Amino acid sequence: MISMAFSDHCHLLIEFKPDVQLSKLIANLKIVSSRLIRKEYPELSNKYFYGKPHFWTGAYFVASCGGVTVEQLKAYVEKQKSPDK
């Protein structure tokens, strides 16, 4: 897995078995990461999430990437930080 974090979102490049339901994979990633973040930074829960059990929104975006290399994908994501003007 390759990940890149931005100030308000993150990009993940994940390889997984085709028999895994994508919605369950995303849900598990959110559940586990939320628990780990809350455990390491408990002050964030009260400060930013009002003590509610929600860390991530229910939304996500998924795109397939057949036909390009991992290096091409990384270059594309890195360019998102500072688009040409």
PDB file of N, CA and C in Angstrom:
ATOM      1  N   MET A   1       0.848  -1.175   0.000  1.00  0.00           N
ATOM      2  CA  MET A   1       0.000   0.000   0.000  1.00  0.00           C
ATOM      3  C   MET A   1       0.889   1.230   0.000  1.00  0.00           C
ATOM      4  N   ILE A   2       0.518   2.204  -0.781  1.00  0.00           N
ATOM      5  CA  ILE A   2       1.197   3.497  -0.818  1.00  0.00           C
ATOM      6  C   ILE A   2       0.183   4.533  -0.364  1.00  0.00           C
ATOM      7  N   SER A   3       0.594   5.435   0.520  1.00  0.00           N
ATOM      8  CA  SER A   3      -0.330   6.470   0.972  1.00  0.00           C
ATOM      9  C   SER A   3       0.342   7.830   0.924  1.00  0.00           C
ATOM     10  N   MET A   4      -0.467   8.852   0.696  1.00  0.00           N
ATOM     11  CA  MET A   4      -0.014  10.238   0.729  1.00  0.00           C
ATOM     12  C   MET A   4      -1.069  11.021   1.480  1.00  0.00           C
ATOM     13  N   ALA A   5      -0.651  11.760   2.491  1.00  0.00           N
ATOM     14  CA  ALA A   5      -1.584  12.532   3.297  1.00  0.00           C
ATOM     15  C   ALA A   5      -1.532  14.002   2.908  1.00  0.00           C
ATOM     16  N   PHE A   6      -2.692  14.608   2.854  1.00  0.00           N
ATOM     17  CA  PHE A   6      -2.831  16.037   2.595  1.00  0.00           C
ATOM     18  C   PHE A   6      -3.504  16.641   3.816  1.00  0.00           C
ATOM     19  N   SER A   7      -3.699  17.941   3.820  1.00  0.00           N
ATOM     20  CA  SER A   7      -4.259  18.581   5.012  1.00  0.00           C
ATOM     21  C   SER A   7      -5.704  18.155   5.278  1.00  0.00           C
ATOM     22  N   ASP A   8      -6.449  17.802   4.246  1.00  0.00           N
ATOM     23  CA  ASP A   8      -7.856  17.472   4.454  1.00  0.00           C
ATOM     24  C   ASP A   8      -8.280  16.132   3.864  1.00  0.00           C
ATOM     25  N   HIS A   9      -7.339  15.354   3.348  1.00  0.00           N
ATOM     26  CA  HIS A   9      -7.680  14.042   2.801  1.00  0.00           C
ATOM     27  C   HIS A   9      -6.403  13.236   2.590  1.00  0.00           C
ATOM     28  N   CYS A  10      -6.564  11.998   2.195  1.00  0.00           N
ATOM     29  CA  CYS A  10      -5.392  11.176   1.896  1.00  0.00           C
ATOM     30  C   CYS A  10      -5.666  10.340   0.650  1.00  0.00           C
ATOM     31  N   HIS A  11      -4.599   9.977  -0.027  1.00  0.00           N
ATOM     32  CA  HIS A  11      -4.674   9.100  -1.191  1.00  0.00           C
ATOM     33  C   HIS A  11      -4.044   7.772  -0.803  1.00  0.00           C
ATOM     34  N   LEU A  12      -4.714   6.684  -1.140  1.00  0.00           N
ATOM     35  CA  LEU A  12      -4.182   5.352  -0.882  1.00  0.00           C
ATOM     36  C   LEU A  12      -4.175   4.569  -2.188  1.00  0.00           C
ATOM     37  N   LEU A  13      -3.095   3.914  -2.447  1.00  0.00           N
ATOM     38  CA  LEU A  13      -3.007   3.004  -3.581  1.00  0.00           C
ATOM     39  C   LEU A  13      -2.921   1.612  -2.969  1.00  0.00           C
ATOM     40  N   ILE A  14      -3.962   0.816  -3.170  1.00  0.00           N
ATOM     41  CA  ILE A  14      -4.089  -0.464  -2.481  1.00  0.00           C
ATOM     42  C   ILE A  14      -4.263  -1.581  -3.504  1.00  0.00           C
ATOM     43  N   GLU A  15      -3.539  -2.665  -3.276  1.00  0.00           N
ATOM     44  CA  GLU A  15      -3.756  -3.878  -4.051  1.00  0.00           C
ATOM     45  C   GLU A  15      -4.448  -4.870  -3.130  1.00  0.00           C
ATOM     46  N   PHE A  16      -5.559  -5.441  -3.584  1.00  0.00           N
ATOM     47  CA  PHE A  16      -6.293  -6.394  -2.763  1.00  0.00           C
ATOM     48  C   PHE A  16      -6.897  -7.467  -3.649  1.00  0.00           C
ATOM     49  N   LYS A  17      -7.301  -8.555  -3.025  1.00  0.00           N
ATOM     50  CA  LYS A  17      -7.864  -9.689  -3.755  1.00  0.00           C
ATOM     51  C   LYS A  17      -9.219  -9.311  -4.346  1.00  0.00           C
ATOM     52  N   PRO A  18      -9.521  -9.798  -5.537  1.00  0.00           N
ATOM     53  CA  PRO A  18     -10.772  -9.414  -6.203  1.00  0.00           C
ATOM     54  C   PRO A  18     -12.037  -9.935  -5.520  1.00  0.00           C
ATOM     55  N   ASP A  19     -11.914 -10.907  -4.618  1.00  0.00           N
ATOM     56  CA  ASP A  19     -13.109 -11.404  -3.942  1.00  0.00           C
ATOM     57  C   ASP A  19     -13.474 -10.569  -2.709  1.00  0.00           C
ATOM     58  N   VAL A  20     -12.669  -9.562  -2.386  1.00  0.00           N
ATOM     59  CA  VAL A  20     -12.957  -8.668  -1.261  1.00  0.00           C
ATOM     60  C   VAL A  20     -13.891  -7.564  -1.741  1.00  0.00           C
ATOM     61  N   GLN A  21     -14.987  -7.364  -1.018  1.00  0.00           N
ATOM     62  CA  GLN A  21     -15.912  -6.291  -1.375  1.00  0.00           C
ATOM     63  C   GLN A  21     -15.259  -4.945  -1.077  1.00  0.00           C
ATOM     64  N   LEU A  22     -15.234  -4.075  -2.053  1.00  0.00           N
ATOM     65  CA  LEU A  22     -14.578  -2.783  -1.912  1.00  0.00           C
ATOM     66  C   LEU A  22     -15.179  -1.967  -0.772  1.00  0.00           C
ATOM     67  N   SER A  23     -16.485  -1.973  -0.645  1.00  0.00           N
ATOM     68  CA  SER A  23     -17.124  -1.201   0.433  1.00  0.00           C
ATOM     69  C   SER A  23     -16.689  -1.708   1.808  1.00  0.00           C
ATOM     70  N   LYS A  24     -16.514  -3.008   1.964  1.00  0.00           N
ATOM     71  CA  LYS A  24     -16.068  -3.559   3.252  1.00  0.00           C
ATOM     72  C   LYS A  24     -14.604  -3.235   3.506  1.00  0.00           C
ATOM     73  N   LEU A  25     -13.789  -3.248   2.459  1.00  0.00           N
ATOM     74  CA  LEU A  25     -12.383  -2.873   2.606  1.00  0.00           C
ATOM     75  C   LEU A  25     -12.272  -1.432   3.096  1.00  0.00           C
ATOM     76  N   ILE A  26     -12.995  -0.524   2.451  1.00  0.00           N
ATOM     77  CA  ILE A  26     -12.970   0.895   2.848  1.00  0.00           C
ATOM     78  C   ILE A  26     -13.480   1.056   4.280  1.00  0.00           C
ATOM     79  N   ALA A  27     -14.573   0.392   4.606  1.00  0.00           N
ATOM     80  CA  ALA A  27     -15.126   0.489   5.961  1.00  0.00           C
ATOM     81  C   ALA A  27     -14.113   0.007   6.993  1.00  0.00           C
ATOM     82  N   ASN A  28     -13.449  -1.106   6.718  1.00  0.00           N
ATOM     83  CA  ASN A  28     -12.452  -1.615   7.663  1.00  0.00           C
ATOM     84  C   ASN A  28     -11.271  -0.673   7.806  1.00  0.00           C
ATOM     85  N   LEU A  29     -10.813  -0.081   6.708  1.00  0.00           N
ATOM     86  CA  LEU A  29      -9.721   0.898   6.786  1.00  0.00           C
ATOM     87  C   LEU A  29     -10.114   2.075   7.669  1.00  0.00           C
ATOM     88  N   LYS A  30     -11.335   2.554   7.501  1.00  0.00           N
ATOM     89  CA  LYS A  30     -11.798   3.690   8.294  1.00  0.00           C
ATOM     90  C   LYS A  30     -11.955   3.329   9.764  1.00  0.00           C
ATOM     91  N   ILE A  31     -12.501   2.160  10.038  1.00  0.00           N
ATOM     92  CA  ILE A  31     -12.704   1.735  11.426  1.00  0.00           C
ATOM     93  C   ILE A  31     -11.374   1.599  12.157  1.00  0.00           C
ATOM     94  N   VAL A  32     -10.452   0.871  11.547  1.00  0.00           N
ATOM     95  CA  VAL A  32      -9.169   0.626  12.205  1.00  0.00           C
ATOM     96  C   VAL A  32      -8.371   1.911  12.358  1.00  0.00           C
ATOM     97  N   SER A  33      -8.314   2.722  11.302  1.00  0.00           N
ATOM     98  CA  SER A  33      -7.533   3.960  11.398  1.00  0.00           C
ATOM     99  C   SER A  33      -8.151   4.919  12.413  1.00  0.00           C
ATOM    100  N   SER A  34      -9.466   4.969  12.491  1.00  0.00           N
ATOM    101  CA  SER A  34     -10.136   5.824  13.471  1.00  0.00           C
ATOM    102  C   SER A  34      -9.777   5.397  14.895  1.00  0.00           C
ATOM    103  N   ARG A  35      -9.819   4.103  15.146  1.00  0.00           N
ATOM    104  CA  ARG A  35      -9.471   3.611  16.484  1.00  0.00           C
ATOM    105  C   ARG A  35      -8.033   3.936  16.844  1.00  0.00           C
ATOM    106  N   LEU A  36      -7.126   3.741  15.892  1.00  0.00           N
ATOM    107  CA  LEU A  36      -5.708   4.020  16.160  1.00  0.00           C
ATOM    108  C   LEU A  36      -5.459   5.508  16.403  1.00  0.00           C
ATOM    109  N   ILE A  37      -6.086   6.351  15.601  1.00  0.00           N
ATOM    110  CA  ILE A  37      -5.901   7.798  15.761  1.00  0.00           C
ATOM    111  C   ILE A  37      -6.479   8.257  17.093  1.00  0.00           C
ATOM    112  N   ARG A  38      -7.676   7.795  17.433  1.00  0.00           N
ATOM    113  CA  ARG A  38      -8.306   8.181  18.701  1.00  0.00           C
ATOM    114  C   ARG A  38      -7.491   7.699  19.900  1.00  0.00           C
ATOM    115  N   LYS A  39      -6.889   6.524  19.770  1.00  0.00           N
ATOM    116  CA  LYS A  39      -6.082   5.997  20.872  1.00  0.00           C
ATOM    117  C   LYS A  39      -4.822   6.829  21.064  1.00  0.00           C
ATOM    118  N   GLU A  40      -4.183   7.201  19.954  1.00  0.00           N
ATOM    119  CA  GLU A  40      -2.936   7.959  20.055  1.00  0.00           C
ATOM    120  C   GLU A  40      -3.167   9.441  20.333  1.00  0.00           C
ATOM    121  N   TYR A  41      -4.268   9.985  19.858  1.00  0.00           N
ATOM    122  CA  TYR A  41      -4.568  11.411  20.023  1.00  0.00           C
ATOM    123  C   TYR A  41      -5.984  11.590  20.581  1.00  0.00           C
ATOM    124  N   PRO A  42      -6.229  11.213  21.821  1.00  0.00           N
ATOM    125  CA  PRO A  42      -7.596  11.292  22.370  1.00  0.00           C
ATOM    126  C   PRO A  42      -8.147  12.715  22.437  1.00  0.00           C
ATOM    127  N   GLU A  43      -7.261  13.694  22.513  1.00  0.00           N
ATOM    128  CA  GLU A  43      -7.729  15.084  22.584  1.00  0.00           C
ATOM    129  C   GLU A  43      -8.426  15.524  21.300  1.00  0.00           C
ATOM    130  N   LEU A  44      -8.138  14.882  20.182  1.00  0.00           N
ATOM    131  CA  LEU A  44      -8.791  15.249  18.920  1.00  0.00           C
ATOM    132  C   LEU A  44     -10.279  14.939  18.935  1.00  0.00           C
ATOM    133  N   SER A  45     -10.655  13.875  19.596  1.00  0.00           N
ATOM    134  CA  SER A  45     -12.057  13.478  19.618  1.00  0.00           C
ATOM    135  C   SER A  45     -12.931  14.565  20.221  1.00  0.00           C
ATOM    136  N   ASN A  46     -12.547  15.095  21.355  1.00  0.00           N
ATOM    137  CA  ASN A  46     -13.352  16.128  22.004  1.00  0.00           C
ATOM    138  C   ASN A  46     -13.218  17.479  21.320  1.00  0.00           C
ATOM    139  N   LYS A  47     -12.018  17.793  20.839  1.00  0.00           N
ATOM    140  CA  LYS A  47     -11.793  19.099  20.243  1.00  0.00           C
ATOM    141  C   LYS A  47     -12.463  19.244  18.881  1.00  0.00           C
ATOM    142  N   TYR A  48     -12.350  18.231  18.034  1.00  0.00           N
ATOM    143  CA  TYR A  48     -12.832  18.360  16.661  1.00  0.00           C
ATOM    144  C   TYR A  48     -14.099  17.577  16.354  1.00  0.00           C
ATOM    145  N   PHE A  49     -14.400  16.560  17.128  1.00  0.00           N
ATOM    146  CA  PHE A  49     -15.529  15.705  16.794  1.00  0.00           C
ATOM    147  C   PHE A  49     -16.583  15.683  17.883  1.00  0.00           C
ATOM    148  N   TYR A  50     -16.480  16.597  18.842  1.00  0.00           N
ATOM    149  CA  TYR A  50     -17.483  16.799  19.886  1.00  0.00           C
ATOM    150  C   TYR A  50     -17.790  15.515  20.640  1.00  0.00           C
ATOM    151  N   GLY A  51     -16.802  14.630  20.771  1.00  0.00           N
ATOM    152  CA  GLY A  51     -16.986  13.392  21.517  1.00  0.00           C
ATOM    153  C   GLY A  51     -17.842  12.352  20.817  1.00  0.00           C
ATOM    154  N   LYS A  52     -18.249  12.627  19.576  1.00  0.00           N
ATOM    155  CA  LYS A  52     -19.085  11.673  18.842  1.00  0.00           C
ATOM    156  C   LYS A  52     -18.218  10.526  18.311  1.00  0.00           C
ATOM    157  N   PRO A  53     -18.815   9.385  18.048  1.00  0.00           N
ATOM    158  CA  PRO A  53     -18.039   8.226  17.602  1.00  0.00           C
ATOM    159  C   PRO A  53     -17.669   8.260  16.119  1.00  0.00           C
ATOM    160  N   HIS A  54     -17.815   9.395  15.476  1.00  0.00           N
ATOM    161  CA  HIS A  54     -17.521   9.490  14.045  1.00  0.00           C
ATOM    162  C   HIS A  54     -16.190  10.195  13.832  1.00  0.00           C
ATOM    163  N   PHE A  55     -15.295   9.560  13.118  1.00  0.00           N
ATOM    164  CA  PHE A  55     -14.030  10.205  12.787  1.00  0.00           C
ATOM    165  C   PHE A  55     -14.000  10.534  11.300  1.00  0.00           C
ATOM    166  N   TRP A  56     -14.375   9.580  10.475  1.00  0.00           N
ATOM    167  CA  TRP A  56     -14.411   9.766   9.029  1.00  0.00           C
ATOM    168  C   TRP A  56     -15.851   9.959   8.575  1.00  0.00           C
ATOM    169  N   THR A  57     -16.019  10.602   7.441  1.00  0.00           N
ATOM    170  CA  THR A  57     -17.355  10.662   6.840  1.00  0.00           C
ATOM    171  C   THR A  57     -17.632   9.312   6.184  1.00  0.00           C
ATOM    172  N   GLY A  58     -18.842   9.102   5.778  1.00  0.00           N
ATOM    173  CA  GLY A  58     -19.194   7.859   5.092  1.00  0.00           C
ATOM    174  C   GLY A  58     -18.767   7.855   3.632  1.00  0.00           C
ATOM    175  N   ALA A  59     -18.330   8.994   3.132  1.00  0.00           N
ATOM    176  CA  ALA A  59     -18.003   9.119   1.709  1.00  0.00           C
ATOM    177  C   ALA A  59     -16.604   8.623   1.389  1.00  0.00           C
ATOM    178  N   TYR A  60     -16.432   8.182   0.141  1.00  0.00           N
ATOM    179  CA  TYR A  60     -15.119   7.844  -0.377  1.00  0.00           C
ATOM    180  C   TYR A  60     -15.169   7.864  -1.894  1.00  0.00           C
ATOM    181  N   PHE A  61     -14.032   8.004  -2.510  1.00  0.00           N
ATOM    182  CA  PHE A  61     -13.908   7.988  -3.967  1.00  0.00           C
ATOM    183  C   PHE A  61     -12.948   6.883  -4.342  1.00  0.00           C
ATOM    184  N   VAL A  62     -13.294   6.118  -5.359  1.00  0.00           N
ATOM    185  CA  VAL A  62     -12.458   5.023  -5.814  1.00  0.00           C
ATOM    186  C   VAL A  62     -12.326   5.121  -7.326  1.00  0.00           C
ATOM    187  N   ALA A  63     -11.119   4.903  -7.815  1.00  0.00           N
ATOM    188  CA  ALA A  63     -10.883   4.857  -9.256  1.00  0.00           C
ATOM    189  C   ALA A  63      -9.943   3.698  -9.549  1.00  0.00           C
ATOM    190  N   SER A  64     -10.193   3.013 -10.634  1.00  0.00           N
ATOM    191  CA  SER A  64      -9.279   1.934 -11.020  1.00  0.00           C
ATOM    192  C   SER A  64      -8.127   2.540 -11.803  1.00  0.00           C
ATOM    193  N   CYS A  65      -7.023   1.820 -11.868  1.00  0.00           N
ATOM    194  CA  CYS A  65      -5.835   2.411 -12.478  1.00  0.00           C
ATOM    195  C   CYS A  65      -5.119   1.429 -13.411  1.00  0.00           C
ATOM    196  N   GLY A  66      -5.852   0.603 -14.069  1.00  0.00           N
ATOM    197  CA  GLY A  66      -5.231  -0.333 -14.994  1.00  0.00           C
ATOM    198  C   GLY A  66      -4.524   0.392 -16.128  1.00  0.00           C
ATOM    199  N   GLY A  67      -3.388  -0.137 -16.547  1.00  0.00           N
ATOM    200  CA  GLY A  67      -2.698   0.426 -17.697  1.00  0.00           C
ATOM    201  C   GLY A  67      -1.649   1.469 -17.384  1.00  0.00           C
ATOM    202  N   VAL A  68      -1.488   1.846 -16.121  1.00  0.00           N
ATOM    203  CA  VAL A  68      -0.434   2.795 -15.758  1.00  0.00           C
ATOM    204  C   VAL A  68       0.445   2.171 -14.680  1.00  0.00           C
ATOM    205  N   THR A  69       1.626   2.704 -14.529  1.00  0.00           N
ATOM    206  CA  THR A  69       2.550   2.177 -13.523  1.00  0.00           C
ATOM    207  C   THR A  69       2.331   2.866 -12.181  1.00  0.00           C
ATOM    208  N   VAL A  70       2.844   2.264 -11.135  1.00  0.00           N
ATOM    209  CA  VAL A  70       2.778   2.861  -9.803  1.00  0.00           C
ATOM    210  C   VAL A  70       3.504   4.201  -9.808  1.00  0.00           C
ATOM    211  N   GLU A  71       4.612   4.282 -10.503  1.00  0.00           N
ATOM    212  CA  GLU A  71       5.366   5.537 -10.578  1.00  0.00           C
ATOM    213  C   GLU A  71       4.531   6.640 -11.220  1.00  0.00           C
ATOM    214  N   GLN A  72       3.776   6.307 -12.265  1.00  0.00           N
ATOM    215  CA  GLN A  72       2.917   7.298 -12.911  1.00  0.00           C
ATOM    216  C   GLN A  72       1.815   7.770 -11.964  1.00  0.00           C
ATOM    217  N   LEU A  73       1.244   6.853 -11.211  1.00  0.00           N
ATOM    218  CA  LEU A  73       0.208   7.231 -10.244  1.00  0.00           C
ATOM    219  C   LEU A  73       0.773   8.131  -9.152  1.00  0.00           C
ATOM    220  N   LYS A  74       1.942   7.777  -8.631  1.00  0.00           N
ATOM    221  CA  LYS A  74       2.560   8.604  -7.595  1.00  0.00           C
ATOM    222  C   LYS A  74       2.842  10.001  -8.117  1.00  0.00           C
ATOM    223  N   ALA A  75       3.351  10.101  -9.345  1.00  0.00           N
ATOM    224  CA  ALA A  75       3.634  11.415  -9.931  1.00  0.00           C
ATOM    225  C   ALA A  75       2.349  12.226 -10.074  1.00  0.00           C
ATOM    226  N   TYR A  76       1.268  11.580 -10.481  1.00  0.00           N
ATOM    227  CA  TYR A  76      -0.011  12.264 -10.623  1.00  0.00           C
ATOM    228  C   TYR A  76      -0.497  12.800  -9.281  1.00  0.00           C
ATOM    229  N   VAL A  77      -0.441  11.967  -8.239  1.00  0.00           N
ATOM    230  CA  VAL A  77      -0.911  12.388  -6.921  1.00  0.00           C
ATOM    231  C   VAL A  77      -0.038  13.502  -6.365  1.00  0.00           C
ATOM    232  N   GLU A  78       1.270  13.389  -6.510  1.00  0.00           N
ATOM    233  CA  GLU A  78       2.171  14.426  -6.019  1.00  0.00           C
ATOM    234  C   GLU A  78       1.908  15.765  -6.708  1.00  0.00           C
ATOM    235  N   LYS A  79       1.544  15.728  -7.967  1.00  0.00           N
ATOM    236  CA  LYS A  79       1.263  16.964  -8.698  1.00  0.00           C
ATOM    237  C   LYS A  79      -0.010  17.636  -8.184  1.00  0.00           C
ATOM    238  N   GLN A  80      -0.883  16.889  -7.542  1.00  0.00           N
ATOM    239  CA  GLN A  80      -2.120  17.468  -7.005  1.00  0.00           C
ATOM    240  C   GLN A  80      -1.832  18.478  -5.920  1.00  0.00           C
ATOM    241  N   LYS A  81      -0.681  18.384  -5.260  1.00  0.00           N
ATOM    242  CA  LYS A  81      -0.336  19.338  -4.191  1.00  0.00           C
ATOM    243  C   LYS A  81      -0.201  20.746  -4.731  1.00  0.00           C
ATOM    244  N   SER A  82       0.404  20.889  -5.909  1.00  0.00           N
ATOM    245  CA  SER A  82       0.636  22.223  -6.465  1.00  0.00           C
ATOM    246  C   SER A  82       0.368  22.194  -7.972  1.00  0.00           C
ATOM    247  N   PRO A  83      -0.887  22.319  -8.355  1.00  0.00           N
ATOM    248  CA  PRO A  83      -1.222  22.270  -9.772  1.00  0.00           C
ATOM    249  C   PRO A  83      -0.622  23.463 -10.525  1.00  0.00           C
ATOM    250  N   ASP A  84      -0.316  23.234 -11.779  1.00  0.00           N
ATOM    251  CA  ASP A  84       0.193  24.317 -12.623  1.00  0.00           C
ATOM    252  C   ASP A  84      -0.893  25.382 -12.778  1.00  0.00           C
ATOM    253  N   LYS A  85      -0.443  26.621 -12.751  1.00  0.00           N
ATOM    254  CA  LYS A  85      -1.415  27.727 -12.883  1.00  0.00           C
ATOM    255  C   LYS A  85      -1.160  28.477 -14.155  1.00  0.00           C
TER     256      LYS A  85
END
